[in-house]
Amino acid sequence: MKSRAILFGSIDTLVETSEFQRLAFNEAGLNWDWTPEFYRSLLGRSSGRNRIARFAADRGEWVDAAALHN
């Protein structure tokens, strides 16, 4: 079934996508293995782009966080 619309709400979440994001980041070819527990610890920082950039910097790596996030 194809999606015909995406609904965004400012009060509630319709779909939890964090697990899909975690899996995608793990499969990005960067040799990162974010466990569900570790990824939850990263969620205190807003924006997936910020999480990627900070994680890479903490490891002494550079990645194009905007491109990877997209």
PDB file of N, CA and C in Angstrom:
ATOM      1  N   MET A   1       0.836  -1.174   0.000  1.00  0.00           N
ATOM      2  CA  MET A   1       0.000   0.000   0.000  1.00  0.00           C
ATOM      3  C   MET A   1       0.882   1.238   0.000  1.00  0.00           C
ATOM      4  N   LYS A   2       0.660   2.141  -0.906  1.00  0.00           N
ATOM      5  CA  LYS A   2       1.429   3.375  -0.974  1.00  0.00           C
ATOM      6  C   LYS A   2       0.853   4.416  -0.026  1.00  0.00           C
ATOM      7  N   SER A   3       1.761   5.163   0.584  1.00  0.00           N
ATOM      8  CA  SER A   3       1.325   6.277   1.428  1.00  0.00           C
ATOM      9  C   SER A   3       0.864   7.411   0.538  1.00  0.00           C
ATOM     10  N   ARG A   4      -0.195   8.046   0.938  1.00  0.00           N
ATOM     11  CA  ARG A   4      -0.711   9.170   0.165  1.00  0.00           C
ATOM     12  C   ARG A   4      -0.490  10.493   0.892  1.00  0.00           C
ATOM     13  N   ALA A   5      -0.159  10.419   2.155  1.00  0.00           N
ATOM     14  CA  ALA A   5       0.037  11.648   2.921  1.00  0.00           C
ATOM     15  C   ALA A   5       0.890  11.352   4.135  1.00  0.00           C
ATOM     16  N   ILE A   6       1.565  12.355   4.585  1.00  0.00           N
ATOM     17  CA  ILE A   6       2.300  12.289   5.844  1.00  0.00           C
ATOM     18  C   ILE A   6       1.727  13.390   6.719  1.00  0.00           C
ATOM     19  N   LEU A   7       1.341  13.028   7.914  1.00  0.00           N
ATOM     20  CA  LEU A   7       0.766  13.993   8.839  1.00  0.00           C
ATOM     21  C   LEU A   7       1.758  14.298   9.944  1.00  0.00           C
ATOM     22  N   PHE A   8       1.946  15.555  10.220  1.00  0.00           N
ATOM     23  CA  PHE A   8       2.831  15.978  11.292  1.00  0.00           C
ATOM     24  C   PHE A   8       2.002  16.701  12.340  1.00  0.00           C
ATOM     25  N   GLY A   9       2.231  16.360  13.580  1.00  0.00           N
ATOM     26  CA  GLY A   9       1.533  17.022  14.662  1.00  0.00           C
ATOM     27  C   GLY A   9       2.525  17.657  15.600  1.00  0.00           C
ATOM     28  N   SER A  10       2.148  18.739  16.199  1.00  0.00           N
ATOM     29  CA  SER A  10       3.063  19.421  17.106  1.00  0.00           C
ATOM     30  C   SER A  10       2.889  18.958  18.546  1.00  0.00           C
ATOM     31  N   ILE A  11       1.881  18.171  18.817  1.00  0.00           N
ATOM     32  CA  ILE A  11       1.623  17.748  20.188  1.00  0.00           C
ATOM     33  C   ILE A  11       1.964  16.280  20.395  1.00  0.00           C
ATOM     34  N   ASP A  12       1.719  15.445  19.431  1.00  0.00           N
ATOM     35  CA  ASP A  12       1.887  14.014  19.598  1.00  0.00           C
ATOM     36  C   ASP A  12       2.670  13.423  18.434  1.00  0.00           C
ATOM     37  N   THR A  13       3.156  12.238  18.601  1.00  0.00           N
ATOM     38  CA  THR A  13       3.891  11.535  17.563  1.00  0.00           C
ATOM     39  C   THR A  13       3.003  10.467  16.969  1.00  0.00           C
ATOM     40  N   LEU A  14       2.924  10.441  15.654  1.00  0.00           N
ATOM     41  CA  LEU A  14       2.119   9.432  14.978  1.00  0.00           C
ATOM     42  C   LEU A  14       2.897   8.138  14.783  1.00  0.00           C
ATOM     43  N   VAL A  15       4.184   8.272  14.493  1.00  0.00           N
ATOM     44  CA  VAL A  15       5.022   7.112  14.234  1.00  0.00           C
ATOM     45  C   VAL A  15       6.373   7.336  14.883  1.00  0.00           C
ATOM     46  N   GLU A  16       6.849   6.370  15.611  1.00  0.00           N
ATOM     47  CA  GLU A  16       8.177   6.435  16.206  1.00  0.00           C
ATOM     48  C   GLU A  16       9.170   5.924  15.177  1.00  0.00           C
ATOM     49  N   THR A  17      10.096   6.778  14.753  1.00  0.00           N
ATOM     50  CA  THR A  17      11.035   6.414  13.687  1.00  0.00           C
ATOM     51  C   THR A  17      12.472   6.247  14.172  1.00  0.00           C
ATOM     52  N   SER A  18      12.715   6.378  15.460  1.00  0.00           N
ATOM     53  CA  SER A  18      14.090   6.322  15.961  1.00  0.00           C
ATOM     54  C   SER A  18      14.792   5.021  15.603  1.00  0.00           C
ATOM     55  N   GLU A  19      14.089   3.907  15.682  1.00  0.00           N
ATOM     56  CA  GLU A  19      14.733   2.629  15.362  1.00  0.00           C
ATOM     57  C   GLU A  19      15.121   2.565  13.890  1.00  0.00           C
ATOM     58  N   PHE A  20      14.284   3.092  13.016  1.00  0.00           N
ATOM     59  CA  PHE A  20      14.627   3.125  11.591  1.00  0.00           C
ATOM     60  C   PHE A  20      15.852   4.002  11.348  1.00  0.00           C
ATOM     61  N   GLN A  21      15.918   5.132  12.042  1.00  0.00           N
ATOM     62  CA  GLN A  21      17.073   6.020  11.912  1.00  0.00           C
ATOM     63  C   GLN A  21      18.339   5.331  12.417  1.00  0.00           C
ATOM     64  N   ARG A  22      18.244   4.676  13.565  1.00  0.00           N
ATOM     65  CA  ARG A  22      19.413   3.991  14.131  1.00  0.00           C
ATOM     66  C   ARG A  22      19.941   2.953  13.150  1.00  0.00           C
ATOM     67  N   LEU A  23      19.066   2.154  12.596  1.00  0.00           N
ATOM     68  CA  LEU A  23      19.487   1.124  11.644  1.00  0.00           C
ATOM     69  C   LEU A  23      20.116   1.745  10.398  1.00  0.00           C
ATOM     70  N   ALA A  24      19.540   2.833   9.922  1.00  0.00           N
ATOM     71  CA  ALA A  24      20.081   3.507   8.733  1.00  0.00           C
ATOM     72  C   ALA A  24      21.478   4.055   9.004  1.00  0.00           C
ATOM     73  N   PHE A  25      21.684   4.651  10.172  1.00  0.00           N
ATOM     74  CA  PHE A  25      23.011   5.171  10.497  1.00  0.00           C
ATOM     75  C   PHE A  25      24.019   4.032  10.604  1.00  0.00           C
ATOM     76  N   ASN A  26      23.604   2.902  11.164  1.00  0.00           N
ATOM     77  CA  ASN A  26      24.504   1.752  11.268  1.00  0.00           C
ATOM     78  C   ASN A  26      24.880   1.202   9.897  1.00  0.00           C
ATOM     79  N   GLU A  27      24.011   1.364   8.909  1.00  0.00           N
ATOM     80  CA  GLU A  27      24.258   0.816   7.576  1.00  0.00           C
ATOM     81  C   GLU A  27      24.855   1.837   6.612  1.00  0.00           C
ATOM     82  N   ALA A  28      25.307   2.967   7.127  1.00  0.00           N
ATOM     83  CA  ALA A  28      25.799   4.051   6.272  1.00  0.00           C
ATOM     84  C   ALA A  28      27.239   3.845   5.806  1.00  0.00           C
ATOM     85  N   GLY A  29      27.857   2.732   6.165  1.00  0.00           N
ATOM     86  CA  GLY A  29      29.218   2.465   5.724  1.00  0.00           C
ATOM     87  C   GLY A  29      30.293   3.150   6.550  1.00  0.00           C
ATOM     88  N   LEU A  30      29.974   3.549   7.761  1.00  0.00           N
ATOM     89  CA  LEU A  30      30.932   4.251   8.615  1.00  0.00           C
ATOM     90  C   LEU A  30      31.514   3.372   9.714  1.00  0.00           C
ATOM     91  N   ASN A  31      31.164   2.100   9.720  1.00  0.00           N
ATOM     92  CA  ASN A  31      31.641   1.183  10.750  1.00  0.00           C
ATOM     93  C   ASN A  31      31.195   1.624  12.146  1.00  0.00           C
ATOM     94  N   TRP A  32      29.978   2.149  12.221  1.00  0.00           N
ATOM     95  CA  TRP A  32      29.376   2.498  13.497  1.00  0.00           C
ATOM     96  C   TRP A  32      28.375   1.421  13.851  1.00  0.00           C
ATOM     97  N   ASP A  33      28.304   1.092  15.119  1.00  0.00           N
ATOM     98  CA  ASP A  33      27.327   0.105  15.582  1.00  0.00           C
ATOM     99  C   ASP A  33      26.618   0.673  16.802  1.00  0.00           C
ATOM    100  N   TRP A  34      25.572   1.426  16.525  1.00  0.00           N
ATOM    101  CA  TRP A  34      24.802   2.034  17.601  1.00  0.00           C
ATOM    102  C   TRP A  34      23.767   1.030  18.074  1.00  0.00           C
ATOM    103  N   THR A  35      23.927   0.552  19.294  1.00  0.00           N
ATOM    104  CA  THR A  35      22.930  -0.350  19.875  1.00  0.00           C
ATOM    105  C   THR A  35      21.686   0.470  20.211  1.00  0.00           C
ATOM    106  N   PRO A  36      20.555  -0.197  20.397  1.00  0.00           N
ATOM    107  CA  PRO A  36      19.356   0.563  20.794  1.00  0.00           C
ATOM    108  C   PRO A  36      19.583   1.361  22.078  1.00  0.00           C
ATOM    109  N   GLU A  37      20.286   0.798  23.036  1.00  0.00           N
ATOM    110  CA  GLU A  37      20.537   1.493  24.305  1.00  0.00           C
ATOM    111  C   GLU A  37      21.413   2.720  24.086  1.00  0.00           C
ATOM    112  N   PHE A  38      22.485   2.554  23.279  1.00  0.00           N
ATOM    113  CA  PHE A  38      23.375   3.681  23.027  1.00  0.00           C
ATOM    114  C   PHE A  38      22.641   4.772  22.255  1.00  0.00           C
ATOM    115  N   TYR A  39      21.859   4.384  21.254  1.00  0.00           N
ATOM    116  CA  TYR A  39      21.137   5.376  20.471  1.00  0.00           C
ATOM    117  C   TYR A  39      20.167   6.160  21.347  1.00  0.00           C
ATOM    118  N   ARG A  40      19.503   5.484  22.269  1.00  0.00           N
ATOM    119  CA  ARG A  40      18.608   6.196  23.198  1.00  0.00           C
ATOM    120  C   ARG A  40      19.380   7.242  23.993  1.00  0.00           C
ATOM    121  N   SER A  41      20.624   6.922  24.358  1.00  0.00           N
ATOM    122  CA  SER A  41      21.426   7.896  25.108  1.00  0.00           C
ATOM    123  C   SER A  41      21.763   9.115  24.249  1.00  0.00           C
ATOM    124  N   LEU A  42      21.799   8.951  22.934  1.00  0.00           N
ATOM    125  CA  LEU A  42      22.094  10.069  22.038  1.00  0.00           C
ATOM    126  C   LEU A  42      20.879  10.962  21.794  1.00  0.00           C
ATOM    127  N   LEU A  43      19.689  10.460  22.062  1.00  0.00           N
ATOM    128  CA  LEU A  43      18.469  11.196  21.740  1.00  0.00           C
ATOM    129  C   LEU A  43      18.258  12.435  22.599  1.00  0.00           C
ATOM    130  N   GLY A  44      19.068  12.632  23.621  1.00  0.00           N
ATOM    131  CA  GLY A  44      18.988  13.853  24.417  1.00  0.00           C
ATOM    132  C   GLY A  44      19.445  15.069  23.628  1.00  0.00           C
ATOM    133  N   ARG A  45      20.197  14.834  22.578  1.00  0.00           N
ATOM    134  CA  ARG A  45      20.650  15.911  21.686  1.00  0.00           C
ATOM    135  C   ARG A  45      19.665  15.990  20.531  1.00  0.00           C
ATOM    136  N   SER A  46      19.098  17.149  20.302  1.00  0.00           N
ATOM    137  CA  SER A  46      18.122  17.275  19.222  1.00  0.00           C
ATOM    138  C   SER A  46      18.810  17.221  17.862  1.00  0.00           C
ATOM    139  N   SER A  47      18.089  16.763  16.898  1.00  0.00           N
ATOM    140  CA  SER A  47      18.505  16.712  15.499  1.00  0.00           C
ATOM    141  C   SER A  47      19.473  15.576  15.225  1.00  0.00           C
ATOM    142  N   GLY A  48      19.053  14.690  14.348  1.00  0.00           N
ATOM    143  CA  GLY A  48      19.918  13.591  13.927  1.00  0.00           C
ATOM    144  C   GLY A  48      21.222  14.098  13.366  1.00  0.00           C
ATOM    145  N   ARG A  49      21.167  15.209  12.655  1.00  0.00           N
ATOM    146  CA  ARG A  49      22.382  15.799  12.086  1.00  0.00           C
ATOM    147  C   ARG A  49      23.369  16.158  13.194  1.00  0.00           C
ATOM    148  N   ASN A  50      22.872  16.742  14.290  1.00  0.00           N
ATOM    149  CA  ASN A  50      23.741  17.093  15.416  1.00  0.00           C
ATOM    150  C   ASN A  50      24.310  15.849  16.085  1.00  0.00           C
ATOM    151  N   ARG A  51      23.485  14.798  16.220  1.00  0.00           N
ATOM    152  CA  ARG A  51      23.968  13.560  16.831  1.00  0.00           C
ATOM    153  C   ARG A  51      25.106  12.959  16.004  1.00  0.00           C
ATOM    154  N   ILE A  52      24.927  12.942  14.692  1.00  0.00           N
ATOM    155  CA  ILE A  52      25.949  12.389  13.800  1.00  0.00           C
ATOM    156  C   ILE A  52      27.246  13.188  13.914  1.00  0.00           C
ATOM    157  N   ALA A  53      27.144  14.499  13.814  1.00  0.00           N
ATOM    158  CA  ALA A  53      28.336  15.352  13.855  1.00  0.00           C
ATOM    159  C   ALA A  53      29.079  15.205  15.174  1.00  0.00           C
ATOM    160  N   ARG A  54      28.350  15.199  16.273  1.00  0.00           N
ATOM    161  CA  ARG A  54      28.979  15.108  17.593  1.00  0.00           C
ATOM    162  C   ARG A  54      29.629  13.738  17.792  1.00  0.00           C
ATOM    163  N   PHE A  55      28.929  12.679  17.389  1.00  0.00           N
ATOM    164  CA  PHE A  55      29.480  11.332  17.539  1.00  0.00           C
ATOM    165  C   PHE A  55      30.763  11.197  16.727  1.00  0.00           C
ATOM    166  N   ALA A  56      30.746  11.671  15.495  1.00  0.00           N
ATOM    167  CA  ALA A  56      31.940  11.603  14.646  1.00  0.00           C
ATOM    168  C   ALA A  56      33.083  12.404  15.261  1.00  0.00           C
ATOM    169  N   ALA A  57      32.785  13.613  15.717  1.00  0.00           N
ATOM    170  CA  ALA A  57      33.825  14.460  16.323  1.00  0.00           C
ATOM    171  C   ALA A  57      34.415  13.802  17.561  1.00  0.00           C
ATOM    172  N   ASP A  58      33.581  13.202  18.385  1.00  0.00           N
ATOM    173  CA  ASP A  58      34.071  12.525  19.589  1.00  0.00           C
ATOM    174  C   ASP A  58      34.996  11.369  19.247  1.00  0.00           C
ATOM    175  N   ARG A  59      34.822  10.777  18.062  1.00  0.00           N
ATOM    176  CA  ARG A  59      35.681   9.673  17.619  1.00  0.00           C
ATOM    177  C   ARG A  59      36.872  10.160  16.807  1.00  0.00           C
ATOM    178  N   GLY A  60      36.969  11.472  16.606  1.00  0.00           N
ATOM    179  CA  GLY A  60      38.051  12.022  15.807  1.00  0.00           C
ATOM    180  C   GLY A  60      37.853  11.790  14.314  1.00  0.00           C
ATOM    181  N   GLU A  61      36.603  11.627  13.906  1.00  0.00           N
ATOM    182  CA  GLU A  61      36.279  11.395  12.503  1.00  0.00           C
ATOM    183  C   GLU A  61      35.559  12.617  11.951  1.00  0.00           C
ATOM    184  N   TRP A  62      35.623  12.774  10.651  1.00  0.00           N
ATOM    185  CA  TRP A  62      34.834  13.804  10.000  1.00  0.00           C
ATOM    186  C   TRP A  62      33.864  13.130   9.054  1.00  0.00           C
ATOM    187  N   VAL A  63      32.623  13.515   9.121  1.00  0.00           N
ATOM    188  CA  VAL A  63      31.625  13.050   8.164  1.00  0.00           C
ATOM    189  C   VAL A  63      30.802  14.257   7.736  1.00  0.00           C
ATOM    190  N   ASP A  64      30.230  14.176   6.573  1.00  0.00           N
ATOM    191  CA  ASP A  64      29.301  15.204   6.117  1.00  0.00           C
ATOM    192  C   ASP A  64      27.956  14.878   6.768  1.00  0.00           C
ATOM    193  N   ALA A  65      27.765  15.414   7.958  1.00  0.00           N
ATOM    194  CA  ALA A  65      26.571  15.062   8.752  1.00  0.00           C
ATOM    195  C   ALA A  65      25.283  15.435   8.037  1.00  0.00           C
ATOM    196  N   ALA A  66      25.268  16.548   7.331  1.00  0.00           N
ATOM    197  CA  ALA A  66      24.043  16.966   6.627  1.00  0.00           C
ATOM    198  C   ALA A  66      23.708  15.955   5.526  1.00  0.00           C
ATOM    199  N   ALA A  67      24.706  15.537   4.758  1.00  0.00           N
ATOM    200  CA  ALA A  67      24.466  14.589   3.669  1.00  0.00           C
ATOM    201  C   ALA A  67      24.036  13.230   4.228  1.00  0.00           C
ATOM    202  N   LEU A  68      24.711  12.781   5.274  1.00  0.00           N
ATOM    203  CA  LEU A  68      24.362  11.488   5.869  1.00  0.00           C
ATOM    204  C   LEU A  68      22.955  11.536   6.459  1.00  0.00           C
ATOM    205  N   HIS A  69      22.617  12.622   7.098  1.00  0.00           N
ATOM    206  CA  HIS A  69      21.298  12.745   7.700  1.00  0.00           C
ATOM    207  C   HIS A  69      20.205  12.735   6.635  1.00  0.00           C
ATOM    208  N   ASN A  70      20.475  13.399   5.507  1.00  0.00           N
ATOM    209  CA  ASN A  70      19.492  13.399   4.428  1.00  0.00           C
ATOM    210  C   ASN A  70      19.326  12.014   3.858  1.00  0.00           C
TER     211      ASN A  70
END
